[in-house]
Amino acid sequence: MTDQDPRADLVRRALAMTAGADPAELESVFTEDVTFTTPALFVAGRAELAAELALRDTIMSDLGVDIGTIGIDGDSGWAEWVVTAQFASDLSVDDGDERTTVVQAVGRPVRLEGATAVAFDGDRISALRQYWDEVALLDALGLLPGD
């Protein structure tokens, strides 16, 4: 099926939430035990997802998502997207001992193309897996050698 499937709207809403929309509607889109996986993150459950989205909102501003093609097939689906954002505060990572600043907030714009695969459980999403070109992200952040 195509993006005419009613669940395509769930995919649109999920992507909007993960790219800057108000996460208050999580319950209507995601199952309680939803998993969310990216190249740098694994979240289990709506509560963890809500906390991660709140953290994202403190790091990035002017988030936008342009959703391209959406496909639905049985209990799974996918979407292509482009996200744009500005870094509003330093991006830090936990290296196990302490938080290390990786990118200082300098108002650098980021444009990231990617895709998301989803699994449905009834009328809600039970899993999201997002993929993108990590090298392109590092380049946009000025983290590649020679930048």
C-alpha atoms as a PDB file:
ATOM      1  CA  MET A   1       0.000   0.000   0.000  1.00  0.00           C
ATOM      2  CA  THR A   2       1.014   3.620  -0.255  1.00  0.00           C
ATOM      3  CA  ASP A   3       0.754   6.653   1.945  1.00  0.00           C
ATOM      4  CA  GLN A   4      -3.051   6.507   1.405  1.00  0.00           C
ATOM      5  CA  ASP A   5      -3.198   3.929   4.227  1.00  0.00           C
ATOM      6  CA  PRO A   6      -4.652   5.581   7.376  1.00  0.00           C
ATOM      7  CA  ARG A   7      -1.551   4.517   9.331  1.00  0.00           C
ATOM      8  CA  ALA A   8       0.555   6.804   7.124  1.00  0.00           C
ATOM      9  CA  ASP A   9      -0.805   9.649   9.259  1.00  0.00           C
ATOM     10  CA  LEU A  10       0.638   7.909  12.339  1.00  0.00           C
ATOM     11  CA  VAL A  11       4.027   7.858  10.628  1.00  0.00           C
ATOM     12  CA  ARG A  12       3.738  11.576   9.810  1.00  0.00           C
ATOM     13  CA  ARG A  13       2.780  12.409  13.407  1.00  0.00           C
ATOM     14  CA  ALA A  14       5.597  10.261  14.805  1.00  0.00           C
ATOM     15  CA  LEU A  15       8.191  11.931  12.599  1.00  0.00           C
ATOM     16  CA  ALA A  16       6.889  15.376  13.507  1.00  0.00           C
ATOM     17  CA  MET A  17       7.236  14.491  17.199  1.00  0.00           C
ATOM     18  CA  THR A  18      10.751  13.163  16.841  1.00  0.00           C
ATOM     19  CA  ALA A  19      11.789  16.220  14.854  1.00  0.00           C
ATOM     20  CA  GLY A  20      10.382  18.981  16.983  1.00  0.00           C
ATOM     21  CA  ALA A  21       6.647  18.787  17.488  1.00  0.00           C
ATOM     22  CA  ASP A  22       5.021  18.758  20.925  1.00  0.00           C
ATOM     23  CA  PRO A  23       5.475  15.277  22.413  1.00  0.00           C
ATOM     24  CA  ALA A  24       2.236  15.610  24.437  1.00  0.00           C
ATOM     25  CA  GLU A  25       0.435  13.311  21.994  1.00  0.00           C
ATOM     26  CA  LEU A  26       2.820  10.378  22.469  1.00  0.00           C
ATOM     27  CA  GLU A  27       0.112   8.138  23.914  1.00  0.00           C
ATOM     28  CA  SER A  28      -2.087   8.446  20.830  1.00  0.00           C
ATOM     29  CA  VAL A  29       0.761   7.548  18.452  1.00  0.00           C
ATOM     30  CA  PHE A  30       3.063   5.120  20.310  1.00  0.00           C
ATOM     31  CA  THR A  31       2.492   1.953  22.334  1.00  0.00           C
ATOM     32  CA  GLU A  32       3.547   2.016  26.004  1.00  0.00           C
ATOM     33  CA  ASP A  33       6.527  -0.254  25.211  1.00  0.00           C
ATOM     34  CA  VAL A  34       7.635   1.543  22.027  1.00  0.00           C
ATOM     35  CA  THR A  35      11.288   1.257  21.062  1.00  0.00           C
ATOM     36  CA  PHE A  36      13.132   4.050  19.258  1.00  0.00           C
ATOM     37  CA  THR A  37      16.506   3.322  17.699  1.00  0.00           C
ATOM     38  CA  THR A  38      18.947   5.625  15.902  1.00  0.00           C
ATOM     39  CA  PRO A  39      22.644   5.213  15.095  1.00  0.00           C
ATOM     40  CA  ALA A  40      23.469   6.768  18.491  1.00  0.00           C
ATOM     41  CA  LEU A  41      20.456   5.991  20.684  1.00  0.00           C
ATOM     42  CA  PHE A  42      18.170   3.248  21.977  1.00  0.00           C
ATOM     43  CA  VAL A  43      15.045   4.200  23.925  1.00  0.00           C
ATOM     44  CA  ALA A  44      12.555   1.740  25.422  1.00  0.00           C
ATOM     45  CA  GLY A  45       9.093   2.936  26.418  1.00  0.00           C
ATOM     46  CA  ARG A  46       7.038   6.094  26.048  1.00  0.00           C
ATOM     47  CA  ALA A  47       8.435   7.652  29.233  1.00  0.00           C
ATOM     48  CA  GLU A  48      12.038   7.333  27.996  1.00  0.00           C
ATOM     49  CA  LEU A  49      11.004   8.619  24.575  1.00  0.00           C
ATOM     50  CA  ALA A  50       9.337  11.672  26.139  1.00  0.00           C
ATOM     51  CA  ALA A  51      12.479  12.392  28.193  1.00  0.00           C
ATOM     52  CA  GLU A  52      14.699  12.077  25.120  1.00  0.00           C
ATOM     53  CA  LEU A  53      12.479  14.411  23.097  1.00  0.00           C
ATOM     54  CA  ALA A  54      12.558  16.981  25.920  1.00  0.00           C
ATOM     55  CA  LEU A  55      16.385  16.808  25.985  1.00  0.00           C
ATOM     56  CA  ARG A  56      16.475  17.259  22.210  1.00  0.00           C
ATOM     57  CA  ASP A  57      14.409  20.408  22.536  1.00  0.00           C
ATOM     58  CA  THR A  58      17.045  21.950  24.827  1.00  0.00           C
ATOM     59  CA  ILE A  59      19.878  21.212  22.377  1.00  0.00           C
ATOM     60  CA  MET A  60      18.279  22.128  19.034  1.00  0.00           C
ATOM     61  CA  SER A  61      16.095  24.967  17.817  1.00  0.00           C
ATOM     62  CA  ASP A  62      14.257  25.732  14.596  1.00  0.00           C
ATOM     63  CA  LEU A  63      13.657  22.031  14.027  1.00  0.00           C
ATOM     64  CA  GLY A  64      11.824  21.209  10.847  1.00  0.00           C
ATOM     65  CA  VAL A  65      10.974  17.999   9.042  1.00  0.00           C
ATOM     66  CA  ASP A  66      10.051  17.540   5.409  1.00  0.00           C
ATOM     67  CA  ILE A  67       8.504  14.109   4.949  1.00  0.00           C
ATOM     68  CA  GLY A  68       8.875  12.555   1.524  1.00  0.00           C
ATOM     69  CA  THR A  69       7.535   9.187   0.464  1.00  0.00           C
ATOM     70  CA  ILE A  70       5.707   6.989   2.973  1.00  0.00           C
ATOM     71  CA  GLY A  71       5.044   3.308   2.400  1.00  0.00           C
ATOM     72  CA  ILE A  72       2.893   0.893   4.417  1.00  0.00           C
ATOM     73  CA  ASP A  73       2.976  -2.898   4.021  1.00  0.00           C
ATOM     74  CA  GLY A  74       1.140  -5.066   6.516  1.00  0.00           C
ATOM     75  CA  ASP A  75       2.293  -4.267  10.055  1.00  0.00           C
ATOM     76  CA  SER A  76       5.300  -2.241   8.965  1.00  0.00           C
ATOM     77  CA  GLY A  77       6.051   0.950   7.122  1.00  0.00           C
ATOM     78  CA  TRP A  78       8.770   3.408   6.179  1.00  0.00           C
ATOM     79  CA  ALA A  79       9.291   7.040   5.339  1.00  0.00           C
ATOM     80  CA  GLU A  80      12.003   9.213   3.826  1.00  0.00           C
ATOM     81  CA  TRP A  81      12.641  12.632   5.391  1.00  0.00           C
ATOM     82  CA  VAL A  82      14.872  15.686   5.626  1.00  0.00           C
ATOM     83  CA  VAL A  83      15.415  17.359   9.009  1.00  0.00           C
ATOM     84  CA  THR A  84      16.823  20.841   9.474  1.00  0.00           C
ATOM     85  CA  ALA A  85      17.887  22.369  12.804  1.00  0.00           C
ATOM     86  CA  GLN A  86      20.155  24.830  14.576  1.00  0.00           C
ATOM     87  CA  PHE A  87      22.219  23.873  17.611  1.00  0.00           C
ATOM     88  CA  ALA A  88      20.944  26.033  20.483  1.00  0.00           C
ATOM     89  CA  SER A  89      23.230  24.651  23.197  1.00  0.00           C
ATOM     90  CA  ASP A  90      26.348  22.521  23.411  1.00  0.00           C
ATOM     91  CA  LEU A  91      25.949  18.918  22.319  1.00  0.00           C
ATOM     92  CA  SER A  92      27.502  16.616  24.903  1.00  0.00           C
ATOM     93  CA  VAL A  93      27.805  12.869  25.166  1.00  0.00           C
ATOM     94  CA  ASP A  94      28.215  10.642  28.174  1.00  0.00           C
ATOM     95  CA  ASP A  95      31.444   8.695  27.737  1.00  0.00           C
ATOM     96  CA  GLY A  96      30.838   6.598  30.852  1.00  0.00           C
ATOM     97  CA  ASP A  97      32.822   8.737  33.292  1.00  0.00           C
ATOM     98  CA  GLU A  98      31.589  12.251  32.558  1.00  0.00           C
ATOM     99  CA  ARG A  99      29.805  14.312  29.945  1.00  0.00           C
ATOM    100  CA  THR A 100      32.140  15.526  27.208  1.00  0.00           C
ATOM    101  CA  THR A 101      31.219  18.448  24.961  1.00  0.00           C
ATOM    102  CA  VAL A 102      31.413  17.330  21.358  1.00  0.00           C
ATOM    103  CA  VAL A 103      29.919  20.312  19.528  1.00  0.00           C
ATOM    104  CA  GLN A 104      29.763  23.826  20.885  1.00  0.00           C
ATOM    105  CA  ALA A 105      26.582  25.726  20.085  1.00  0.00           C
ATOM    106  CA  VAL A 106      27.638  28.201  17.426  1.00  0.00           C
ATOM    107  CA  GLY A 107      24.314  28.472  15.618  1.00  0.00           C
ATOM    108  CA  ARG A 108      25.492  26.076  12.959  1.00  0.00           C
ATOM    109  CA  PRO A 109      22.640  24.871  10.735  1.00  0.00           C
ATOM    110  CA  VAL A 110      22.313  21.161  10.093  1.00  0.00           C
ATOM    111  CA  ARG A 111      20.464  19.425   7.260  1.00  0.00           C
ATOM    112  CA  LEU A 112      20.093  15.676   7.530  1.00  0.00           C
ATOM    113  CA  GLU A 113      18.476  13.264   5.072  1.00  0.00           C
ATOM    114  CA  GLY A 114      17.303   9.911   6.348  1.00  0.00           C
ATOM    115  CA  ALA A 115      14.709   7.190   6.544  1.00  0.00           C
ATOM    116  CA  THR A 116      12.591   5.666   9.275  1.00  0.00           C
ATOM    117  CA  ALA A 117      11.233   2.132   9.481  1.00  0.00           C
ATOM    118  CA  VAL A 118       8.235   1.551  11.750  1.00  0.00           C
ATOM    119  CA  ALA A 119       6.337  -1.414  13.172  1.00  0.00           C
ATOM    120  CA  PHE A 120       2.641  -1.142  13.995  1.00  0.00           C
ATOM    121  CA  ASP A 121       0.765  -2.786  16.847  1.00  0.00           C
ATOM    122  CA  GLY A 122      -2.878  -2.181  16.042  1.00  0.00           C
ATOM    123  CA  ASP A 123      -3.495   1.532  15.602  1.00  0.00           C
ATOM    124  CA  ARG A 124      -0.220   2.694  17.169  1.00  0.00           C
ATOM    125  CA  ILE A 125       3.501   2.475  16.448  1.00  0.00           C
ATOM    126  CA  SER A 126       5.489  -0.034  18.512  1.00  0.00           C
ATOM    127  CA  ALA A 127       8.955   0.561  17.029  1.00  0.00           C
ATOM    128  CA  LEU A 128      10.839   3.226  15.079  1.00  0.00           C
ATOM    129  CA  ARG A 129      14.287   2.759  13.568  1.00  0.00           C
ATOM    130  CA  GLN A 130      15.849   5.868  12.050  1.00  0.00           C
ATOM    131  CA  TYR A 131      18.801   5.806   9.682  1.00  0.00           C
ATOM    132  CA  TRP A 132      20.895   8.618   8.222  1.00  0.00           C
ATOM    133  CA  ASP A 133      24.313   9.321   6.774  1.00  0.00           C
ATOM    134  CA  GLU A 134      26.480   9.769   9.875  1.00  0.00           C
ATOM    135  CA  VAL A 135      29.405  11.144   7.845  1.00  0.00           C
ATOM    136  CA  ALA A 136      27.152  13.866   6.402  1.00  0.00           C
ATOM    137  CA  LEU A 137      26.095  14.806   9.953  1.00  0.00           C
ATOM    138  CA  LEU A 138      29.706  14.947  11.172  1.00  0.00           C
ATOM    139  CA  ASP A 139      30.586  17.092   8.179  1.00  0.00           C
ATOM    140  CA  ALA A 140      27.678  19.470   8.853  1.00  0.00           C
ATOM    141  CA  LEU A 141      28.853  19.815  12.447  1.00  0.00           C
ATOM    142  CA  GLY A 142      32.446  20.511  11.370  1.00  0.00           C
ATOM    143  CA  LEU A 143      33.756  17.370  13.066  1.00  0.00           C
ATOM    144  CA  LEU A 144      35.554  15.739  10.147  1.00  0.00           C
ATOM    145  CA  PRO A 145      39.336  16.018   9.913  1.00  0.00           C
ATOM    146  CA  GLY A 146      40.277  19.163   8.036  1.00  0.00           C
ATOM    147  CA  ASP A 147      37.079  21.027   9.046  1.00  0.00           C
END
